[in-house]
């Protein structure tokens, strides 16, 4: 982790642009909102430094998967890099955008989607083509993890739940099931904070009910 450089946005510029005024914020126009977000001050910073630098927030594509009004839900295992989240239930596949994603991309927007695809393919096996819909941002400054991260929620509609499964269940993700938003929100103590925020955002934007 020490040599990895991750994409970070200035906390000050995020705040000035109004992205930190709420714990979750939907995109009115995903294309324009993403362009505005990526116009903010950014840099690639060693992850070992970024994890405790509150002047910058690491931008994390947070991918959720929807089938028939339910969300793909899993438990984080001991093999994940972020030890502060071990054992928590989650609805999101998240991962850092690193310098390699930038080097292989023609634009910052392209970089985000390349990073999301890399993380998704590392954690999940999905048969068929999936297309992301940008939903909005989630932000939680109530703990040490949230204070240095901001999530961009990306939703995927799954047509067949039997065509998605975990790749590395023994170390990173332990088990999975499909749960309704109401079940998730009524058991918020079991979930990582971002999962509750992402689920609330999906309900607000009528992606699930």
Protein backbone atom coordinates (compact mmCIF):
# COMPACT_ATOMS: atom_id res chain seq x y z
CA UNK A 1 0.00 0.00 0.00
CA UNK A 2 2.89 2.40 0.76
CA UNK A 3 3.91 2.79 -2.90
CA UNK A 4 0.36 3.08 -4.29
CA UNK A 5 -0.65 6.57 -5.40
CA UNK A 6 -4.37 7.30 -5.27
CA UNK A 7 -6.59 9.98 -6.80
CA UNK A 8 -7.63 12.63 -4.28
CA UNK A 9 -9.82 15.72 -4.44
CA UNK A 10 -9.16 18.78 -2.30
CA UNK A 11 -11.50 18.83 0.70
CA UNK A 12 -11.60 22.62 0.51
CA UNK A 13 -12.62 22.63 -3.15
CA UNK A 14 -15.26 19.95 -2.50
CA UNK A 15 -16.67 22.04 0.31
CA UNK A 16 -16.66 25.27 -1.72
CA UNK A 17 -18.48 23.48 -4.57
CA UNK A 18 -21.20 22.32 -2.16
CA UNK A 19 -20.47 18.60 -2.36
CA UNK A 20 -20.02 18.17 1.39
CA UNK A 21 -23.21 19.87 2.58
CA UNK A 22 -25.13 16.57 2.84
CA UNK A 23 -24.24 12.97 3.58
CA UNK A 24 -25.62 11.91 0.22
CA UNK A 25 -26.34 13.99 -2.84
CA UNK A 26 -27.94 12.87 -6.10
CA UNK A 27 -26.70 14.01 -9.49
CA UNK A 28 -29.24 16.19 -11.28
CA UNK A 29 -27.39 15.64 -14.54
CA UNK A 30 -24.81 12.84 -14.17
CA UNK A 31 -22.67 13.95 -17.13
CA UNK A 32 -22.48 17.60 -16.10
CA UNK A 33 -22.14 16.86 -12.40
CA UNK A 34 -19.27 14.47 -13.04
CA UNK A 35 -17.50 17.03 -15.20
CA UNK A 36 -17.89 19.68 -12.48
CA UNK A 37 -16.55 17.27 -9.86
CA UNK A 38 -13.49 16.46 -11.94
CA UNK A 39 -12.78 20.15 -12.53
CA UNK A 40 -11.91 20.50 -8.84
CA UNK A 41 -8.36 20.56 -7.51
CA UNK A 42 -6.88 17.05 -7.43
CA UNK A 43 -3.64 15.18 -7.07
CA UNK A 44 -2.31 11.64 -6.84
CA UNK A 45 -1.02 11.08 -3.34
CA UNK A 46 0.71 8.09 -1.70
CA UNK A 47 -2.10 6.13 -0.09
CA UNK A 48 -0.15 5.78 3.14
CA UNK A 49 -0.27 9.57 3.48
CA UNK A 50 -3.79 10.07 2.12
CA UNK A 51 -5.30 7.74 4.73
CA UNK A 52 -4.66 10.31 7.46
CA UNK A 53 -4.65 13.58 5.50
CA UNK A 54 -7.94 15.37 6.12
CA UNK A 55 -7.15 18.12 3.58
CA UNK A 56 -7.80 15.64 0.77
CA UNK A 57 -10.49 13.05 0.07
CA UNK A 58 -9.82 9.91 -1.91
CA UNK A 59 -12.51 9.51 -4.59
CA UNK A 60 -13.93 5.98 -4.47
CA UNK A 61 -16.20 4.48 -7.16
CA UNK A 62 -18.80 2.69 -5.00
CA UNK A 63 -20.56 0.11 -7.14
CA UNK A 64 -23.96 -1.33 -6.20
CA UNK A 65 -25.89 -4.08 -7.97
CA UNK A 66 -29.68 -4.20 -8.20
CA UNK A 67 -31.91 -7.13 -9.04
CA UNK A 68 -35.70 -6.99 -8.84
CA UNK A 69 -35.71 -4.23 -6.21
CA UNK A 70 -33.06 -5.93 -4.06
CA UNK A 71 -29.39 -5.11 -3.48
CA UNK A 72 -26.39 -7.43 -3.68
CA UNK A 73 -25.13 -7.60 -0.09
CA UNK A 74 -21.94 -9.18 1.28
CA UNK A 75 -19.73 -9.28 4.35
CA UNK A 76 -16.17 -7.95 4.25
CA UNK A 77 -13.52 -10.51 5.19
CA UNK A 78 -10.13 -10.17 6.84
CA UNK A 79 -8.29 -10.06 3.50
CA UNK A 80 -9.36 -6.52 2.60
CA UNK A 81 -6.85 -3.66 2.79
CA UNK A 82 -9.15 -1.44 4.85
CA UNK A 83 -9.03 -3.27 8.19
CA UNK A 84 -11.44 -0.76 9.75
CA UNK A 85 -14.24 -2.33 7.70
CA UNK A 86 -13.58 -6.03 8.39
CA UNK A 87 -16.72 -7.90 9.38
CA UNK A 88 -19.17 -5.23 8.29
CA UNK A 89 -21.99 -5.89 5.85
CA UNK A 90 -21.89 -3.90 2.64
CA UNK A 91 -23.82 -3.27 -0.56
CA UNK A 92 -20.92 -1.62 -2.37
CA UNK A 93 -17.78 -2.73 -4.17
CA UNK A 94 -15.37 0.13 -3.59
CA UNK A 95 -11.78 0.70 -4.53
CA UNK A 96 -9.23 3.44 -4.98
CA UNK A 97 -8.43 5.10 -8.29
CA UNK A 98 -4.70 4.74 -8.70
CA UNK A 99 -2.05 6.13 -10.99
CA UNK A 100 -2.20 3.07 -13.24
CA UNK A 101 -5.88 3.79 -13.98
CA UNK A 102 -4.90 7.34 -14.94
CA UNK A 103 -2.03 6.23 -17.18
CA UNK A 104 -4.34 3.88 -19.09
CA UNK A 105 -7.08 6.47 -19.59
CA UNK A 106 -7.75 9.23 -22.10
CA UNK A 107 -9.66 11.40 -19.61
CA UNK A 108 -10.48 11.65 -15.90
CA UNK A 109 -13.97 10.33 -16.62
CA UNK A 110 -12.49 7.37 -18.45
CA UNK A 111 -10.16 6.84 -15.49
CA UNK A 112 -13.10 6.47 -13.08
CA UNK A 113 -14.82 3.85 -15.23
CA UNK A 114 -11.54 1.96 -15.80
CA UNK A 115 -10.91 1.90 -12.05
CA UNK A 116 -14.45 0.68 -11.36
CA UNK A 117 -14.11 -2.12 -13.92
CA UNK A 118 -10.78 -3.20 -12.44
CA UNK A 119 -12.14 -3.38 -8.90
CA UNK A 120 -15.35 -5.07 -10.01
CA UNK A 121 -13.49 -7.75 -11.94
CA UNK A 122 -11.17 -8.39 -8.98
CA UNK A 123 -14.04 -9.02 -6.57
CA UNK A 124 -16.93 -10.32 -8.69
CA UNK A 125 -17.58 -12.66 -11.56
CA UNK A 126 -20.44 -11.32 -13.68
CA UNK A 127 -21.66 -13.03 -16.83
CA UNK A 128 -22.75 -10.66 -19.57
CA UNK A 129 -22.23 -6.96 -20.08
CA UNK A 130 -23.01 -4.48 -17.29
CA UNK A 131 -23.48 -0.74 -17.68
CA UNK A 132 -23.13 1.76 -14.86
CA UNK A 133 -25.50 4.60 -14.04
CA UNK A 134 -23.98 7.43 -12.04
CA UNK A 135 -26.33 8.17 -9.13
CA UNK A 136 -24.57 10.68 -6.88
CA UNK A 137 -22.09 11.19 -4.05
CA UNK A 138 -21.90 9.86 -0.50
CA UNK A 139 -19.85 11.43 2.27
CA UNK A 140 -19.53 10.61 5.96
CA UNK A 141 -17.18 12.64 8.15
CA UNK A 142 -18.25 10.95 11.38
CA UNK A 143 -15.31 8.54 11.52
CA UNK A 144 -11.66 8.30 10.45
CA UNK A 145 -12.47 6.27 7.33
CA UNK A 146 -15.11 8.62 6.01
CA UNK A 147 -13.14 11.79 6.67
CA UNK A 148 -10.56 10.88 4.03
CA UNK A 149 -12.91 9.39 1.41
CA UNK A 150 -15.83 10.46 -0.76
CA UNK A 151 -17.82 7.94 -2.78
CA UNK A 152 -19.33 8.21 -6.23
CA UNK A 153 -22.23 5.76 -6.39
CA UNK A 154 -22.50 3.68 -9.57
CA UNK A 155 -25.54 1.41 -9.99
CA UNK A 156 -25.85 -1.67 -12.19
CA UNK A 157 -29.06 -3.50 -13.05
CA UNK A 158 -28.61 -7.30 -12.95
CA UNK A 159 -31.03 -9.34 -15.06
CA UNK A 160 -30.17 -12.75 -13.61
CA UNK A 161 -28.96 -13.08 -9.97
CA UNK A 162 -27.37 -16.44 -10.79
CA UNK A 163 -24.89 -14.74 -13.10
CA UNK A 164 -23.10 -12.76 -10.40
CA UNK A 165 -20.89 -14.27 -7.68
CA UNK A 166 -17.85 -13.55 -5.54
CA UNK A 167 -14.37 -14.32 -6.84
CA UNK A 168 -12.42 -14.29 -3.57
CA UNK A 169 -14.86 -15.34 -0.87
CA UNK A 170 -12.14 -16.85 1.33
CA UNK A 171 -10.30 -13.59 1.99
CA UNK A 172 -12.07 -10.40 0.95
CA UNK A 173 -15.80 -11.01 0.76
CA UNK A 174 -17.25 -13.83 2.84
CA UNK A 175 -20.81 -14.44 1.66
CA UNK A 176 -23.56 -12.70 -0.23
CA UNK A 177 -27.34 -12.44 -0.47
CA UNK A 178 -29.95 -10.15 -2.01
CA UNK A 179 -31.70 -7.83 0.45
CA UNK A 180 -34.37 -5.16 0.13
CA UNK A 181 -33.60 -1.53 0.89
CA UNK A 182 -36.09 -1.55 3.77
CA UNK A 183 -34.31 -4.53 5.37
CA UNK A 184 -30.93 -2.84 5.02
CA UNK A 185 -32.09 0.49 6.43
CA UNK A 186 -33.82 -1.21 9.37
CA UNK A 187 -30.59 -3.06 10.28
CA UNK A 188 -28.20 -0.15 9.83
CA UNK A 189 -26.08 -1.17 12.82
CA UNK A 190 -24.83 -4.19 10.85
CA UNK A 191 -23.69 -2.23 7.80
CA UNK A 192 -20.78 0.02 7.00
CA UNK A 193 -21.95 3.67 6.97
CA UNK A 194 -21.53 4.12 3.22
CA UNK A 195 -23.92 1.23 2.53
CA UNK A 196 -26.66 3.00 4.46
CA UNK A 197 -25.95 6.26 2.66
CA UNK A 198 -25.87 4.57 -0.76
CA UNK A 199 -29.10 2.70 -0.05
CA UNK A 200 -30.78 5.91 1.10
CA UNK A 201 -29.59 7.61 -2.10
CA UNK A 202 -30.99 4.78 -4.23
CA UNK A 203 -34.34 5.06 -2.47
CA UNK A 204 -34.40 8.85 -2.91
CA UNK A 205 -33.65 8.54 -6.62
CA UNK A 206 -36.23 5.71 -6.98
CA UNK A 207 -33.72 3.13 -8.16
CA UNK A 208 -35.09 0.85 -5.40
CA UNK A 209 -38.04 1.19 -3.05
